[in-house]
Amino acid sequence: MSRVRQKNTDPEIAVRRCLHSLGYRFRLHRRDLPGTPDIVLPKFRKVIFVHGCFWHRHHDCSKATTPKTRVEFWSEKFRANVERDEKKGQALRDTGWEPLVIWECESKDAAHLKQKLSELISGITEVSG
């Protein structure tokens, strides 16, 4: 598990490239926000988490499998990950930020990713200040 990267993963880079191509500028990994979001759009008070389907348990995804060995350990680990994600999201909402999630499997198809990000961003209204 030490080889599993937390920052600058391939799905995260794909999302960043897509956002940049759409003309949006962003900040990365702001440690002053709850959960250290992967991508932060400060102008719009939105953050994007790029979640791995396996670790964060993407529903109905073929990548969200459970290992056959040590099932109890893995079940508890995955439960804790999902619970932590929910707490991070709530903490961000409580401080006025809107968390968005892009799943690893969604980052594989560039056209689909661009469409999804466009839809998410189209709801953004500029915050004055």
N, C-alpha and C. Protein backbone atom coordinates (compact mmCIF):
# COMPACT_ATOMS: atom_id res chain seq x y z
N MET A 1 0.82 -1.20 0.00
CA MET A 1 0.00 0.00 0.00
C MET A 1 0.86 1.25 0.00
N SER A 2 2.14 1.12 0.32
CA SER A 2 3.00 2.30 0.35
C SER A 2 3.21 2.87 -1.05
N ARG A 3 2.93 2.08 -2.06
CA ARG A 3 3.10 2.57 -3.43
C ARG A 3 1.87 3.28 -3.97
N VAL A 4 0.81 3.29 -3.22
CA VAL A 4 -0.41 3.98 -3.64
C VAL A 4 -0.21 5.47 -3.39
N ARG A 5 -0.21 6.23 -4.49
CA ARG A 5 0.00 7.67 -4.36
C ARG A 5 -1.27 8.37 -3.90
N GLN A 6 -1.07 9.47 -3.19
CA GLN A 6 -2.20 10.26 -2.73
C GLN A 6 -2.37 11.53 -3.55
N LYS A 7 -1.29 12.01 -4.14
CA LYS A 7 -1.33 13.24 -4.92
C LYS A 7 -0.81 12.96 -6.32
N ASN A 8 -1.27 13.78 -7.26
CA ASN A 8 -0.80 13.74 -8.64
C ASN A 8 -0.97 12.37 -9.29
N THR A 9 -2.11 11.74 -9.03
CA THR A 9 -2.40 10.46 -9.65
C THR A 9 -2.83 10.69 -11.11
N ASP A 10 -2.82 9.64 -11.90
CA ASP A 10 -3.23 9.78 -13.30
C ASP A 10 -4.66 10.31 -13.44
N PRO A 11 -5.63 9.79 -12.68
CA PRO A 11 -6.99 10.36 -12.79
C PRO A 11 -7.04 11.84 -12.39
N GLU A 12 -6.29 12.21 -11.37
CA GLU A 12 -6.27 13.62 -10.94
C GLU A 12 -5.68 14.51 -12.03
N ILE A 13 -4.62 14.07 -12.64
CA ILE A 13 -4.00 14.85 -13.72
C ILE A 13 -4.94 14.98 -14.91
N ALA A 14 -5.69 13.92 -15.21
CA ALA A 14 -6.66 13.97 -16.31
C ALA A 14 -7.74 15.02 -16.02
N VAL A 15 -8.21 15.07 -14.79
CA VAL A 15 -9.23 16.05 -14.41
C VAL A 15 -8.65 17.46 -14.49
N ARG A 16 -7.43 17.63 -14.02
CA ARG A 16 -6.79 18.96 -14.08
C ARG A 16 -6.62 19.43 -15.52
N ARG A 17 -6.19 18.53 -16.39
CA ARG A 17 -6.02 18.90 -17.81
C ARG A 17 -7.36 19.33 -18.42
N CYS A 18 -8.39 18.57 -18.09
CA CYS A 18 -9.71 18.88 -18.62
C CYS A 18 -10.21 20.23 -18.12
N LEU A 19 -10.07 20.48 -16.82
CA LEU A 19 -10.47 21.78 -16.27
C LEU A 19 -9.71 22.92 -16.92
N HIS A 20 -8.42 22.72 -17.11
CA HIS A 20 -7.59 23.76 -17.73
C HIS A 20 -8.04 24.01 -19.16
N SER A 21 -8.38 22.94 -19.89
CA SER A 21 -8.82 23.11 -21.28
C SER A 21 -10.16 23.83 -21.36
N LEU A 22 -10.97 23.70 -20.30
CA LEU A 22 -12.24 24.42 -20.25
C LEU A 22 -12.07 25.88 -19.84
N GLY A 23 -10.83 26.26 -19.48
CA GLY A 23 -10.55 27.66 -19.15
C GLY A 23 -10.59 27.99 -17.68
N TYR A 24 -10.69 26.98 -16.82
CA TYR A 24 -10.74 27.23 -15.38
C TYR A 24 -9.36 27.16 -14.77
N ARG A 25 -9.13 28.02 -13.81
CA ARG A 25 -7.88 28.01 -13.07
C ARG A 25 -8.19 27.56 -11.65
N PHE A 26 -7.24 26.91 -11.03
CA PHE A 26 -7.51 26.26 -9.76
C PHE A 26 -6.25 26.18 -8.92
N ARG A 27 -6.41 25.79 -7.70
CA ARG A 27 -5.31 25.54 -6.78
C ARG A 27 -5.33 24.07 -6.44
N LEU A 28 -4.19 23.54 -6.02
CA LEU A 28 -4.07 22.12 -5.71
C LEU A 28 -3.81 21.89 -4.23
N HIS A 29 -4.45 20.87 -3.69
CA HIS A 29 -4.13 20.32 -2.36
C HIS A 29 -4.01 21.38 -1.26
N ARG A 30 -5.01 22.22 -1.12
CA ARG A 30 -4.97 23.25 -0.08
C ARG A 30 -5.11 22.62 1.28
N ARG A 31 -4.06 22.69 2.05
CA ARG A 31 -4.02 22.04 3.35
C ARG A 31 -4.81 22.79 4.41
N ASP A 32 -5.21 24.04 4.10
CA ASP A 32 -5.99 24.79 5.08
C ASP A 32 -7.49 24.46 5.01
N LEU A 33 -7.90 23.61 4.07
CA LEU A 33 -9.30 23.20 3.96
C LEU A 33 -9.46 21.78 4.50
N PRO A 34 -10.62 21.47 5.07
CA PRO A 34 -10.84 20.12 5.60
C PRO A 34 -10.67 19.07 4.50
N GLY A 35 -9.89 18.05 4.78
CA GLY A 35 -9.71 16.95 3.85
C GLY A 35 -8.67 17.18 2.76
N THR A 36 -8.03 18.34 2.72
CA THR A 36 -7.05 18.68 1.68
C THR A 36 -7.56 18.28 0.30
N PRO A 37 -8.53 19.02 -0.24
CA PRO A 37 -9.11 18.66 -1.55
C PRO A 37 -8.05 18.61 -2.65
N ASP A 38 -8.29 17.74 -3.64
CA ASP A 38 -7.35 17.59 -4.75
C ASP A 38 -7.29 18.86 -5.60
N ILE A 39 -8.46 19.42 -5.89
CA ILE A 39 -8.54 20.61 -6.75
C ILE A 39 -9.48 21.61 -6.08
N VAL A 40 -9.06 22.87 -6.03
CA VAL A 40 -9.85 23.91 -5.38
C VAL A 40 -10.09 25.03 -6.40
N LEU A 41 -11.36 25.40 -6.57
CA LEU A 41 -11.74 26.53 -7.40
C LEU A 41 -12.15 27.64 -6.44
N PRO A 42 -11.18 28.43 -5.92
CA PRO A 42 -11.49 29.40 -4.87
C PRO A 42 -12.47 30.49 -5.30
N LYS A 43 -12.43 30.86 -6.55
CA LYS A 43 -13.30 31.92 -7.05
C LYS A 43 -14.77 31.52 -6.90
N PHE A 44 -15.04 30.23 -6.99
CA PHE A 44 -16.41 29.73 -6.96
C PHE A 44 -16.75 28.98 -5.68
N ARG A 45 -15.78 28.87 -4.75
CA ARG A 45 -15.97 28.15 -3.48
C ARG A 45 -16.40 26.70 -3.71
N LYS A 46 -15.75 26.06 -4.69
CA LYS A 46 -16.00 24.65 -4.99
C LYS A 46 -14.68 23.90 -4.89
N VAL A 47 -14.78 22.66 -4.44
CA VAL A 47 -13.60 21.79 -4.38
C VAL A 47 -13.94 20.48 -5.08
N ILE A 48 -12.93 19.86 -5.66
CA ILE A 48 -13.11 18.59 -6.35
C ILE A 48 -12.20 17.56 -5.71
N PHE A 49 -12.80 16.44 -5.35
CA PHE A 49 -12.04 15.28 -4.89
C PHE A 49 -12.03 14.28 -6.04
N VAL A 50 -10.87 13.77 -6.40
CA VAL A 50 -10.76 12.72 -7.40
C VAL A 50 -10.55 11.42 -6.62
N HIS A 51 -11.61 10.63 -6.52
CA HIS A 51 -11.60 9.43 -5.70
C HIS A 51 -11.28 8.19 -6.53
N GLY A 52 -10.46 7.33 -5.95
CA GLY A 52 -10.22 6.01 -6.53
C GLY A 52 -11.42 5.13 -6.23
N CYS A 53 -11.90 4.42 -7.24
CA CYS A 53 -13.10 3.60 -7.07
C CYS A 53 -12.90 2.50 -6.03
N PHE A 54 -11.71 1.90 -5.98
CA PHE A 54 -11.43 0.83 -5.04
C PHE A 54 -11.41 1.33 -3.60
N TRP A 55 -10.68 2.38 -3.34
CA TRP A 55 -10.49 2.86 -1.96
C TRP A 55 -11.70 3.56 -1.40
N HIS A 56 -12.47 4.24 -2.25
CA HIS A 56 -13.59 5.04 -1.77
C HIS A 56 -14.95 4.41 -2.09
N ARG A 57 -14.95 3.19 -2.60
CA ARG A 57 -16.14 2.36 -2.79
C ARG A 57 -17.19 2.97 -3.70
N HIS A 58 -16.81 3.18 -4.96
CA HIS A 58 -17.74 3.69 -5.96
C HIS A 58 -18.81 2.62 -6.21
N HIS A 59 -20.07 2.98 -5.96
CA HIS A 59 -21.18 2.03 -6.12
C HIS A 59 -21.32 1.60 -7.57
N ASP A 60 -21.61 0.35 -7.77
CA ASP A 60 -21.84 -0.23 -9.10
C ASP A 60 -20.65 -0.07 -10.04
N CYS A 61 -19.46 -0.08 -9.50
CA CYS A 61 -18.25 0.02 -10.32
C CYS A 61 -17.47 -1.29 -10.19
N SER A 62 -16.97 -1.76 -11.32
CA SER A 62 -16.24 -3.04 -11.30
C SER A 62 -14.91 -2.94 -10.55
N LYS A 63 -14.40 -1.73 -10.37
CA LYS A 63 -13.13 -1.55 -9.65
C LYS A 63 -13.30 -1.59 -8.13
N ALA A 64 -14.52 -1.48 -7.65
CA ALA A 64 -14.78 -1.45 -6.21
C ALA A 64 -14.97 -2.87 -5.67
N THR A 65 -13.96 -3.68 -5.87
CA THR A 65 -14.02 -5.07 -5.39
C THR A 65 -13.48 -5.15 -3.98
N THR A 66 -13.79 -6.25 -3.30
CA THR A 66 -13.26 -6.49 -1.96
C THR A 66 -12.32 -7.68 -2.05
N PRO A 67 -11.10 -7.54 -1.54
CA PRO A 67 -10.15 -8.66 -1.57
C PRO A 67 -10.72 -9.88 -0.86
N LYS A 68 -10.34 -11.06 -1.33
CA LYS A 68 -10.86 -12.31 -0.77
C LYS A 68 -10.22 -12.65 0.58
N THR A 69 -9.01 -12.18 0.82
CA THR A 69 -8.34 -12.46 2.09
C THR A 69 -8.56 -11.31 3.05
N ARG A 70 -8.60 -11.61 4.34
CA ARG A 70 -8.77 -10.62 5.40
C ARG A 70 -9.97 -9.72 5.14
N VAL A 71 -11.08 -10.33 4.83
CA VAL A 71 -12.30 -9.61 4.46
C VAL A 71 -12.73 -8.64 5.57
N GLU A 72 -12.62 -9.07 6.82
CA GLU A 72 -13.04 -8.21 7.92
C GLU A 72 -12.18 -6.94 7.99
N PHE A 73 -10.85 -7.10 7.83
CA PHE A 73 -9.95 -5.95 7.82
C PHE A 73 -10.32 -4.97 6.72
N TRP A 74 -10.51 -5.50 5.49
CA TRP A 74 -10.79 -4.63 4.35
C TRP A 74 -12.15 -3.96 4.48
N SER A 75 -13.12 -4.70 4.98
CA SER A 75 -14.45 -4.12 5.15
C SER A 75 -14.40 -2.93 6.11
N GLU A 76 -13.68 -3.09 7.22
CA GLU A 76 -13.54 -2.00 8.19
C GLU A 76 -12.78 -0.82 7.58
N LYS A 77 -11.72 -1.10 6.84
CA LYS A 77 -10.93 -0.04 6.21
C LYS A 77 -11.79 0.76 5.22
N PHE A 78 -12.53 0.05 4.38
CA PHE A 78 -13.38 0.74 3.40
C PHE A 78 -14.48 1.53 4.09
N ARG A 79 -15.07 0.97 5.14
CA ARG A 79 -16.12 1.68 5.89
C ARG A 79 -15.57 2.97 6.47
N ALA A 80 -14.35 2.90 7.03
CA ALA A 80 -13.72 4.09 7.62
C ALA A 80 -13.42 5.13 6.54
N ASN A 81 -12.99 4.69 5.37
CA ASN A 81 -12.72 5.62 4.28
C ASN A 81 -13.99 6.38 3.87
N VAL A 82 -15.08 5.65 3.70
CA VAL A 82 -16.34 6.27 3.29
C VAL A 82 -16.84 7.22 4.38
N GLU A 83 -16.73 6.81 5.64
CA GLU A 83 -17.15 7.67 6.74
C GLU A 83 -16.31 8.95 6.79
N ARG A 84 -15.00 8.82 6.60
CA ARG A 84 -14.12 9.99 6.60
C ARG A 84 -14.48 10.93 5.45
N ASP A 85 -14.78 10.36 4.26
CA ASP A 85 -15.19 11.19 3.12
C ASP A 85 -16.44 11.99 3.44
N GLU A 86 -17.41 11.36 4.11
CA GLU A 86 -18.64 12.06 4.47
C GLU A 86 -18.37 13.19 5.46
N LYS A 87 -17.50 12.95 6.43
CA LYS A 87 -17.15 13.98 7.41
C LYS A 87 -16.43 15.16 6.75
N LYS A 88 -15.50 14.85 5.83
CA LYS A 88 -14.80 15.92 5.11
C LYS A 88 -15.78 16.76 4.31
N GLY A 89 -16.70 16.10 3.62
CA GLY A 89 -17.70 16.82 2.82
C GLY A 89 -18.56 17.73 3.68
N GLN A 90 -18.99 17.21 4.82
CA GLN A 90 -19.83 18.02 5.71
C GLN A 90 -19.05 19.20 6.29
N ALA A 91 -17.79 18.97 6.65
CA ALA A 91 -16.96 20.06 7.19
C ALA A 91 -16.77 21.15 6.14
N LEU A 92 -16.60 20.76 4.89
CA LEU A 92 -16.46 21.75 3.81
C LEU A 92 -17.76 22.52 3.61
N ARG A 93 -18.90 21.81 3.60
CA ARG A 93 -20.19 22.49 3.45
C ARG A 93 -20.43 23.46 4.61
N ASP A 94 -20.04 23.06 5.82
CA ASP A 94 -20.22 23.92 6.99
C ASP A 94 -19.41 25.21 6.89
N THR A 95 -18.31 25.18 6.15
CA THR A 95 -17.48 26.38 6.00
C THR A 95 -17.75 27.12 4.69
N GLY A 96 -18.83 26.73 3.98
CA GLY A 96 -19.23 27.47 2.79
C GLY A 96 -18.65 26.97 1.48
N TRP A 97 -18.05 25.80 1.46
CA TRP A 97 -17.49 25.22 0.23
C TRP A 97 -18.41 24.12 -0.26
N GLU A 98 -18.46 23.93 -1.58
CA GLU A 98 -19.25 22.84 -2.15
C GLU A 98 -18.32 21.76 -2.67
N PRO A 99 -18.35 20.57 -2.07
CA PRO A 99 -17.49 19.48 -2.54
C PRO A 99 -18.12 18.73 -3.71
N LEU A 100 -17.31 18.42 -4.71
CA LEU A 100 -17.72 17.62 -5.86
C LEU A 100 -16.79 16.41 -5.94
N VAL A 101 -17.30 15.29 -6.44
CA VAL A 101 -16.49 14.08 -6.54
C VAL A 101 -16.44 13.62 -7.99
N ILE A 102 -15.23 13.36 -8.47
CA ILE A 102 -15.01 12.73 -9.76
C ILE A 102 -14.38 11.37 -9.46
N TRP A 103 -14.94 10.32 -10.00
CA TRP A 103 -14.44 8.97 -9.74
C TRP A 103 -13.37 8.59 -10.76
N GLU A 104 -12.46 7.76 -10.33
CA GLU A 104 -11.35 7.28 -11.16
C GLU A 104 -11.84 6.75 -12.50
N CYS A 105 -12.91 5.95 -12.50
CA CYS A 105 -13.40 5.36 -13.75
C CYS A 105 -13.96 6.42 -14.70
N GLU A 106 -14.41 7.55 -14.17
CA GLU A 106 -14.93 8.62 -15.01
C GLU A 106 -13.82 9.39 -15.72
N SER A 107 -12.61 9.28 -15.22
CA SER A 107 -11.50 10.05 -15.79
C SER A 107 -10.87 9.36 -16.99
N LYS A 108 -11.28 8.14 -17.29
CA LYS A 108 -10.68 7.39 -18.40
C LYS A 108 -11.12 7.90 -19.76
N ASP A 109 -12.36 8.30 -19.88
CA ASP A 109 -12.92 8.78 -21.15
C ASP A 109 -12.91 10.31 -21.13
N ALA A 110 -12.00 10.89 -21.91
CA ALA A 110 -11.81 12.34 -21.88
C ALA A 110 -13.06 13.11 -22.29
N ALA A 111 -13.78 12.63 -23.30
CA ALA A 111 -14.98 13.33 -23.76
C ALA A 111 -16.06 13.31 -22.67
N HIS A 112 -16.25 12.16 -22.04
CA HIS A 112 -17.24 12.04 -20.97
C HIS A 112 -16.84 12.92 -19.78
N LEU A 113 -15.55 12.92 -19.46
CA LEU A 113 -15.06 13.73 -18.34
C LEU A 113 -15.30 15.21 -18.61
N LYS A 114 -15.01 15.65 -19.82
CA LYS A 114 -15.20 17.06 -20.17
C LYS A 114 -16.69 17.44 -20.06
N GLN A 115 -17.57 16.55 -20.51
CA GLN A 115 -19.00 16.82 -20.42
C GLN A 115 -19.44 16.89 -18.96
N LYS A 116 -18.98 15.94 -18.14
CA LYS A 116 -19.37 15.92 -16.73
C LYS A 116 -18.88 17.17 -16.01
N LEU A 117 -17.62 17.56 -16.23
CA LEU A 117 -17.09 18.76 -15.59
C LEU A 117 -17.83 20.01 -16.06
N SER A 118 -18.16 20.06 -17.34
CA SER A 118 -18.92 21.20 -17.86
C SER A 118 -20.27 21.32 -17.16
N GLU A 119 -20.93 20.16 -16.95
CA GLU A 119 -22.22 20.17 -16.27
C GLU A 119 -22.07 20.62 -14.81
N LEU A 120 -21.04 20.13 -14.13
CA LEU A 120 -20.82 20.52 -12.74
C LEU A 120 -20.51 22.00 -12.63
N ILE A 121 -19.67 22.48 -13.54
CA ILE A 121 -19.22 23.86 -13.48
C ILE A 121 -20.32 24.82 -13.96
N SER A 122 -21.18 24.35 -14.84
CA SER A 122 -22.22 25.25 -15.39
C SER A 122 -23.15 25.76 -14.29
N GLY A 123 -23.25 25.03 -13.19
CA GLY A 123 -24.07 25.46 -12.07
C GLY A 123 -23.38 26.49 -11.20
N ILE A 124 -22.13 26.80 -11.51
CA ILE A 124 -21.36 27.73 -10.69
C ILE A 124 -21.80 29.16 -10.99
N THR A 125 -22.05 29.90 -9.94
CA THR A 125 -22.30 31.33 -10.07
C THR A 125 -21.18 32.05 -9.33
N GLU A 126 -20.71 33.11 -9.89
CA GLU A 126 -19.57 33.80 -9.32
C GLU A 126 -19.91 34.38 -7.94
N VAL A 127 -18.99 34.18 -7.02
CA VAL A 127 -19.14 34.71 -5.67
C VAL A 127 -18.47 36.07 -5.62
N SER A 128 -19.20 37.07 -5.14
CA SER A 128 -18.59 38.39 -5.07
C SER A 128 -17.69 38.48 -3.84
N GLY A 129 -16.64 39.24 -3.97
CA GLY A 129 -15.78 39.45 -2.82
C GLY A 129 -14.43 39.14 -3.15
